Amino acid sequence: MSKDDKDKVQIIDKDLDLSNAGRGVWLVKVPKYIAQKWEKAPSNMDVGKLRISKTPGQKAQVSLSLTPAVLALDPDEKIPTEHVLDVSQVTKQTLGVFSHMAPEAAANIGKENSTAPGAAPDNEKLYMEGRIVQKLECRPIADTCYMKLKLESIRKASEPQRRVQPIDKIVQNFKPVKDHAHNIEYRERKKAEGKKARDDKNSVMDMLFHAFEKHQYYNIKDLVKITNQPISYLKEILKDVCDYNMKNPHKNMWELKKEYRHYKTEEKKDEEEHKSGSSDSE
């Protein structure tokens, strides 16, 4: 939802019916297979029987038995019928159960209870059904039926989601390509450039000297591009006229040997600056 849509949403104050706020209710956590059975059951069906056994000086024992009508909803699926409920008190939390009635149902009730014609409510009704005083966790009894159910669930969970299956027909969505466009383009470019031929050694050295007049250090890949010579032939010439740096800061770079350099040293620079300064004074 965008910001403009949020601004357009109208906030309506609704009344909350608190007539059952003092009623204590239980929050029960049931296994998934019981929840699925209860969702399939109609609203007027008895889904289970709850038994509470109280012994003086001990906690109350609570058990749940599913009715045969619930089990008959899916006879092929065998599930445990007897369950034990572990009870725990809610002390440090304030939890409640709330319900709401749809506008259509609320309108029907409003028409029945209203003395004036057409006095139906225009929004849904909210109710507080009670305050949670105990939490119960439904735990099945470890009998043969439950063990078979767990074994089947473990088997289904261990099945791989993807399987390798033989295909009888060609899948047109992923039809193989004999050759890709970028490979064809690369071969055509190489063919147009032609095979690198070895030039005369002196001409290659002239190209190297001309390149080193611009920069002091070069990578072998840059020198191959400049001279357009085979890398093995170029390395033979570089070993004669250049030094290969093995240490930082110019590691893996080529530099002209001292006898081929024509860089000005600091002393010569100072002498030239001194001479130019004395000539200006005269």
Protein backbone atom coordinates (compact mmCIF):
# COMPACT_ATOMS: atom_id res chain seq x y z
CA MET A 1 0.00 0.00 0.00
CA SER A 2 1.43 3.37 -1.01
CA LYS A 3 1.55 6.46 1.17
CA ASP A 4 -1.29 8.10 -0.75
CA ASP A 5 -3.49 5.03 -0.23
CA LYS A 6 -2.73 5.07 3.48
CA ASP A 7 -3.76 8.69 3.67
CA LYS A 8 -7.07 7.88 1.96
CA VAL A 9 -7.93 5.06 4.42
CA GLN A 10 -10.56 6.23 6.85
CA ILE A 11 -10.01 5.17 10.45
CA ILE A 12 -13.30 4.22 12.13
CA ASP A 13 -13.67 3.92 15.90
CA LYS A 14 -15.39 0.67 16.85
CA ASP A 15 -17.03 -0.32 20.12
CA LEU A 16 -15.67 -3.38 21.93
CA ASP A 17 -18.12 -5.53 23.88
CA LEU A 18 -16.48 -6.33 27.25
CA SER A 19 -19.39 -8.21 28.83
CA ASN A 20 -17.30 -11.46 28.92
CA ALA A 21 -13.99 -9.86 29.91
CA GLY A 22 -14.02 -11.55 33.33
CA ARG A 23 -14.46 -15.05 31.91
CA GLY A 24 -11.42 -17.34 32.05
CA VAL A 25 -10.62 -19.38 28.94
CA TRP A 26 -8.03 -22.00 28.00
CA LEU A 27 -5.53 -21.67 25.15
CA VAL A 28 -5.02 -25.17 23.71
CA LYS A 29 -2.31 -26.11 21.21
CA VAL A 30 -3.27 -29.18 19.20
CA PRO A 31 -1.29 -31.24 16.63
CA LYS A 32 -1.67 -30.43 12.96
CA TYR A 33 -3.63 -33.59 12.12
CA ILE A 34 -6.28 -32.69 14.74
CA ALA A 35 -6.56 -29.12 13.45
CA GLN A 36 -7.10 -30.42 9.91
CA LYS A 37 -9.85 -32.76 11.11
CA TRP A 38 -11.62 -30.02 13.04
CA GLU A 39 -11.52 -27.67 10.04
CA LYS A 40 -13.36 -30.28 7.95
CA ALA A 41 -15.99 -30.90 10.64
CA PRO A 42 -19.32 -29.03 10.44
CA SER A 43 -20.20 -26.56 13.16
CA ASN A 44 -22.87 -28.76 14.80
CA MET A 45 -20.63 -31.84 15.22
CA ASP A 46 -19.07 -32.98 18.50
CA VAL A 47 -15.32 -33.15 17.75
CA GLY A 48 -14.02 -34.44 21.07
CA LYS A 49 -14.58 -35.18 24.71
CA LEU A 50 -12.57 -33.55 27.48
CA ARG A 51 -12.02 -35.38 30.77
CA ILE A 52 -10.64 -33.71 33.90
CA SER A 53 -9.50 -35.96 36.76
CA LYS A 54 -8.83 -34.22 40.07
CA THR A 55 -6.76 -35.89 42.79
CA PRO A 56 -6.32 -34.18 46.19
CA GLY A 57 -2.82 -32.71 46.52
CA GLN A 58 -1.96 -33.20 42.82
CA LYS A 59 -2.44 -31.37 39.56
CA ALA A 60 -5.58 -32.07 37.61
CA GLN A 61 -5.15 -34.62 34.83
CA VAL A 62 -6.72 -33.48 31.55
CA SER A 63 -7.24 -35.78 28.57
CA LEU A 64 -8.89 -35.44 25.16
CA SER A 65 -10.62 -38.16 23.14
CA LEU A 66 -11.66 -37.62 19.54
CA THR A 67 -15.19 -38.67 18.63
CA PRO A 68 -15.89 -41.41 16.03
CA ALA A 69 -17.73 -38.81 13.92
CA VAL A 70 -14.49 -36.85 13.44
CA LEU A 71 -12.54 -39.99 12.58
CA ALA A 72 -15.19 -40.91 10.02
CA LEU A 73 -14.56 -37.72 8.03
CA ASP A 74 -11.54 -39.43 6.44
CA PRO A 75 -11.59 -43.17 7.25
CA ASP A 76 -8.43 -43.93 5.28
CA GLU A 77 -6.32 -41.65 7.49
CA LYS A 78 -5.52 -43.30 10.80
CA ILE A 79 -4.73 -40.86 13.61
CA PRO A 80 -4.42 -41.26 17.41
CA THR A 81 -7.67 -40.82 19.32
CA GLU A 82 -6.39 -40.46 22.90
CA HIS A 83 -4.37 -37.41 23.95
CA VAL A 84 -3.01 -35.93 27.18
CA LEU A 85 -3.08 -32.16 27.79
CA ASP A 86 -0.15 -30.63 29.69
CA VAL A 87 -1.41 -27.67 31.73
CA SER A 88 0.62 -24.54 32.50
CA GLN A 89 -0.47 -21.35 34.23
CA VAL A 90 -0.35 -17.91 32.58
CA THR A 91 1.16 -15.55 35.14
CA LYS A 92 3.41 -12.94 33.50
CA GLN A 93 1.27 -12.29 30.43
CA THR A 94 -2.13 -10.78 29.80
CA LEU A 95 -3.74 -12.62 26.90
CA GLY A 96 -7.29 -12.43 25.64
CA VAL A 97 -9.58 -13.97 23.03
CA PHE A 98 -11.42 -11.63 20.67
CA SER A 99 -14.04 -12.24 18.00
CA HIS A 100 -15.79 -10.17 15.40
CA MET A 101 -19.10 -10.46 13.63
CA ALA A 102 -19.39 -9.68 9.93
CA PRO A 103 -21.50 -6.64 8.97
CA GLU A 104 -24.21 -8.83 7.34
CA ALA A 105 -24.69 -10.98 10.44
CA ALA A 106 -24.58 -7.94 12.69
CA ALA A 107 -27.17 -6.26 10.52
CA ASN A 108 -29.52 -9.24 10.81
CA ILE A 109 -29.17 -9.31 14.58
CA GLY A 110 -29.66 -5.56 14.70
CA LYS A 111 -32.89 -5.83 12.72
CA GLU A 112 -34.20 -8.52 15.04
CA ASN A 113 -33.32 -6.61 18.23
CA SER A 114 -34.17 -3.13 17.00
CA THR A 115 -37.61 -1.62 17.55
CA ALA A 116 -37.18 1.01 14.86
CA PRO A 117 -37.24 -0.23 11.26
CA GLY A 118 -33.98 0.05 9.34
CA ALA A 119 -31.80 0.67 12.42
CA ALA A 120 -29.09 -1.80 11.35
CA PRO A 121 -25.41 -1.27 12.35
CA ASP A 122 -23.10 -0.11 9.55
CA ASN A 123 -19.91 -1.82 10.77
CA GLU A 124 -18.79 -5.11 12.29
CA LYS A 125 -19.13 -5.96 15.97
CA LEU A 126 -16.11 -6.71 18.16
CA TYR A 127 -16.31 -8.88 21.27
CA MET A 128 -13.91 -9.95 24.00
CA GLU A 129 -14.67 -13.60 24.67
CA GLY A 130 -12.51 -13.92 27.77
CA ARG A 131 -9.09 -13.76 29.38
CA ILE A 132 -6.63 -16.66 28.96
CA VAL A 133 -5.85 -18.17 32.36
CA GLN A 134 -4.21 -21.49 31.32
CA LYS A 135 -2.21 -22.86 28.43
CA LEU A 136 -2.61 -26.49 27.42
CA GLU A 137 -0.51 -28.48 24.98
CA CYS A 138 -2.18 -31.52 23.45
CA ARG A 139 0.23 -34.47 23.38
CA PRO A 140 -0.71 -37.82 21.80
CA ILE A 141 -0.14 -41.09 23.63
CA ALA A 142 2.80 -42.97 22.10
CA ASP A 143 0.90 -45.99 20.83
CA THR A 144 1.29 -48.00 17.62
CA CYS A 145 -0.98 -45.68 15.63
CA TYR A 146 1.03 -42.61 16.60
CA MET A 147 4.34 -44.32 15.75
CA LYS A 148 3.04 -45.20 12.28
CA LEU A 149 1.89 -41.61 11.78
CA LYS A 150 5.31 -40.23 12.75
CA LEU A 151 7.08 -42.76 10.52
CA GLU A 152 4.96 -41.70 7.56
CA SER A 153 5.61 -37.99 8.22
CA ILE A 154 9.37 -38.61 8.45
CA ARG A 155 9.26 -40.57 5.19
CA LYS A 156 7.43 -37.75 3.40
CA ALA A 157 9.84 -35.13 4.78
CA SER A 158 12.85 -37.15 3.58
CA GLU A 159 11.58 -37.36 0.00
CA PRO A 160 13.53 -35.03 -2.30
CA GLN A 161 11.54 -32.18 -3.79
CA ARG A 162 13.32 -32.53 -7.13
CA ARG A 163 13.65 -35.76 -9.06
CA VAL A 164 15.49 -36.79 -12.20
CA GLN A 165 13.05 -38.12 -14.76
CA PRO A 166 13.70 -39.42 -18.28
CA ILE A 167 12.16 -37.31 -21.04
CA ASP A 168 10.69 -38.96 -24.11
CA LYS A 169 10.05 -35.76 -26.06
CA ILE A 170 12.32 -32.80 -26.76
CA VAL A 171 11.61 -29.81 -24.54
CA GLN A 172 11.25 -26.86 -26.90
CA ASN A 173 11.71 -24.25 -24.20
CA PHE A 174 15.38 -25.15 -23.75
CA LYS A 175 16.38 -26.33 -27.22
CA PRO A 176 20.19 -26.69 -27.40
CA VAL A 177 22.13 -24.24 -29.58
CA LYS A 178 24.92 -25.49 -31.79
CA ASP A 179 27.02 -22.38 -31.29
CA HIS A 180 26.48 -19.20 -29.32
CA ALA A 181 26.59 -15.73 -30.82
CA HIS A 182 29.46 -14.46 -28.65
CA ASN A 183 31.65 -17.44 -29.68
CA ILE A 184 30.99 -16.78 -33.38
CA GLU A 185 31.78 -13.09 -32.94
CA TYR A 186 35.05 -13.89 -31.16
CA ARG A 187 36.21 -16.27 -33.89
CA GLU A 188 35.34 -13.79 -36.66
CA ARG A 189 37.25 -11.04 -34.89
CA LYS A 190 40.29 -13.26 -34.47
CA LYS A 191 40.09 -14.28 -38.11
CA ALA A 192 39.91 -10.65 -39.22
CA GLU A 193 42.95 -9.74 -37.11
CA GLY A 194 44.90 -12.63 -38.56
CA LYS A 195 47.59 -14.69 -36.93
CA LYS A 196 50.24 -12.70 -35.12
CA ALA A 197 53.42 -12.78 -37.20
CA ARG A 198 56.88 -12.17 -35.78
CA ASP A 199 58.25 -8.84 -36.87
CA ASP A 200 61.92 -7.95 -37.09
CA LYS A 201 63.59 -7.76 -33.70
CA ASN A 202 64.84 -4.24 -34.25
CA SER A 203 61.40 -2.95 -35.19
CA VAL A 204 59.90 -4.57 -32.09
CA MET A 205 62.61 -2.98 -29.94
CA ASP A 206 61.86 0.41 -31.51
CA MET A 207 58.18 0.00 -30.56
CA LEU A 208 59.18 -0.94 -27.02
CA PHE A 209 61.52 2.04 -26.65
CA HIS A 210 58.85 4.34 -28.01
CA ALA A 211 56.34 2.93 -25.49
CA PHE A 212 58.75 3.27 -22.55
CA GLU A 213 59.24 6.94 -23.42
CA LYS A 214 55.63 7.47 -22.33
CA HIS A 215 55.60 5.25 -19.22
CA GLN A 216 58.32 3.71 -17.08
CA TYR A 217 56.49 0.45 -16.21
CA TYR A 218 54.33 -1.85 -18.34
CA ASN A 219 52.39 -5.06 -17.90
CA ILE A 220 53.02 -7.89 -20.37
CA LYS A 221 49.41 -7.72 -21.61
CA ASP A 222 49.74 -4.03 -22.46
CA LEU A 223 53.00 -4.66 -24.32
CA VAL A 224 51.35 -7.45 -26.36
CA LYS A 225 48.62 -5.03 -27.40
CA ILE A 226 51.12 -2.32 -28.31
CA THR A 227 53.48 -4.52 -30.35
CA ASN A 228 50.94 -7.09 -31.62
CA GLN A 229 53.54 -9.85 -31.23
CA PRO A 230 53.29 -13.40 -29.89
CA ILE A 231 53.81 -13.39 -26.15
CA SER A 232 56.64 -15.96 -26.23
CA TYR A 233 58.57 -13.98 -28.87
CA LEU A 234 57.97 -10.73 -27.01
CA LYS A 235 59.31 -12.17 -23.73
CA GLU A 236 62.54 -13.18 -25.48
CA ILE A 237 63.11 -9.57 -26.55
CA LEU A 238 62.05 -8.17 -23.19
CA LYS A 239 64.66 -10.29 -21.39
CA ASP A 240 67.35 -8.57 -23.45
CA VAL A 241 66.31 -4.97 -22.90
CA CYS A 242 64.11 -4.99 -19.78
CA ASP A 243 64.08 -6.05 -16.15
CA TYR A 244 61.17 -7.88 -14.57
CA ASN A 245 60.18 -6.48 -11.14
CA MET A 246 59.48 -9.13 -8.50
CA LYS A 247 58.80 -6.77 -5.59
CA ASN A 248 56.30 -4.05 -4.81
CA PRO A 249 55.31 -1.38 -5.64
CA HIS A 250 55.72 -2.40 -9.32
CA LYS A 251 55.44 -6.14 -8.96
CA ASN A 252 54.98 -8.17 -12.21
CA MET A 253 55.85 -5.10 -14.31
CA TRP A 254 58.58 -4.64 -16.95
CA GLU A 255 61.09 -1.77 -16.90
CA LEU A 256 63.95 -0.87 -19.22
CA LYS A 257 67.42 -1.86 -18.10
CA LYS A 258 69.70 0.87 -16.78
CA GLU A 259 71.78 1.02 -19.94
CA TYR A 260 68.69 1.79 -22.03
CA ARG A 261 67.16 4.37 -19.71
CA HIS A 262 67.37 8.06 -20.39
CA TYR A 263 65.66 9.38 -17.27
CA LYS A 264 67.14 12.50 -15.68
CA THR A 265 68.56 11.93 -12.21
CA GLU A 266 67.99 14.30 -9.34
CA GLU A 267 71.62 15.60 -9.45
CA LYS A 268 71.35 16.47 -13.15
CA LYS A 269 68.06 18.23 -12.53
CA ASP A 270 69.64 20.31 -9.73
CA GLU A 271 72.61 21.19 -11.98
CA GLU A 272 70.33 22.27 -14.82
CA GLU A 273 68.21 24.36 -12.47
CA HIS A 274 71.39 25.92 -11.00
CA LYS A 275 72.75 26.75 -14.45
CA SER A 276 69.46 28.27 -15.55
CA GLY A 277 69.35 30.35 -12.35
CA SER A 278 72.92 31.69 -12.83
CA SER A 279 72.23 32.59 -16.48
CA ASP A 280 69.19 34.57 -15.47
CA SER A 281 71.21 36.55 -12.87
CA GLU A 282 73.79 37.55 -15.48
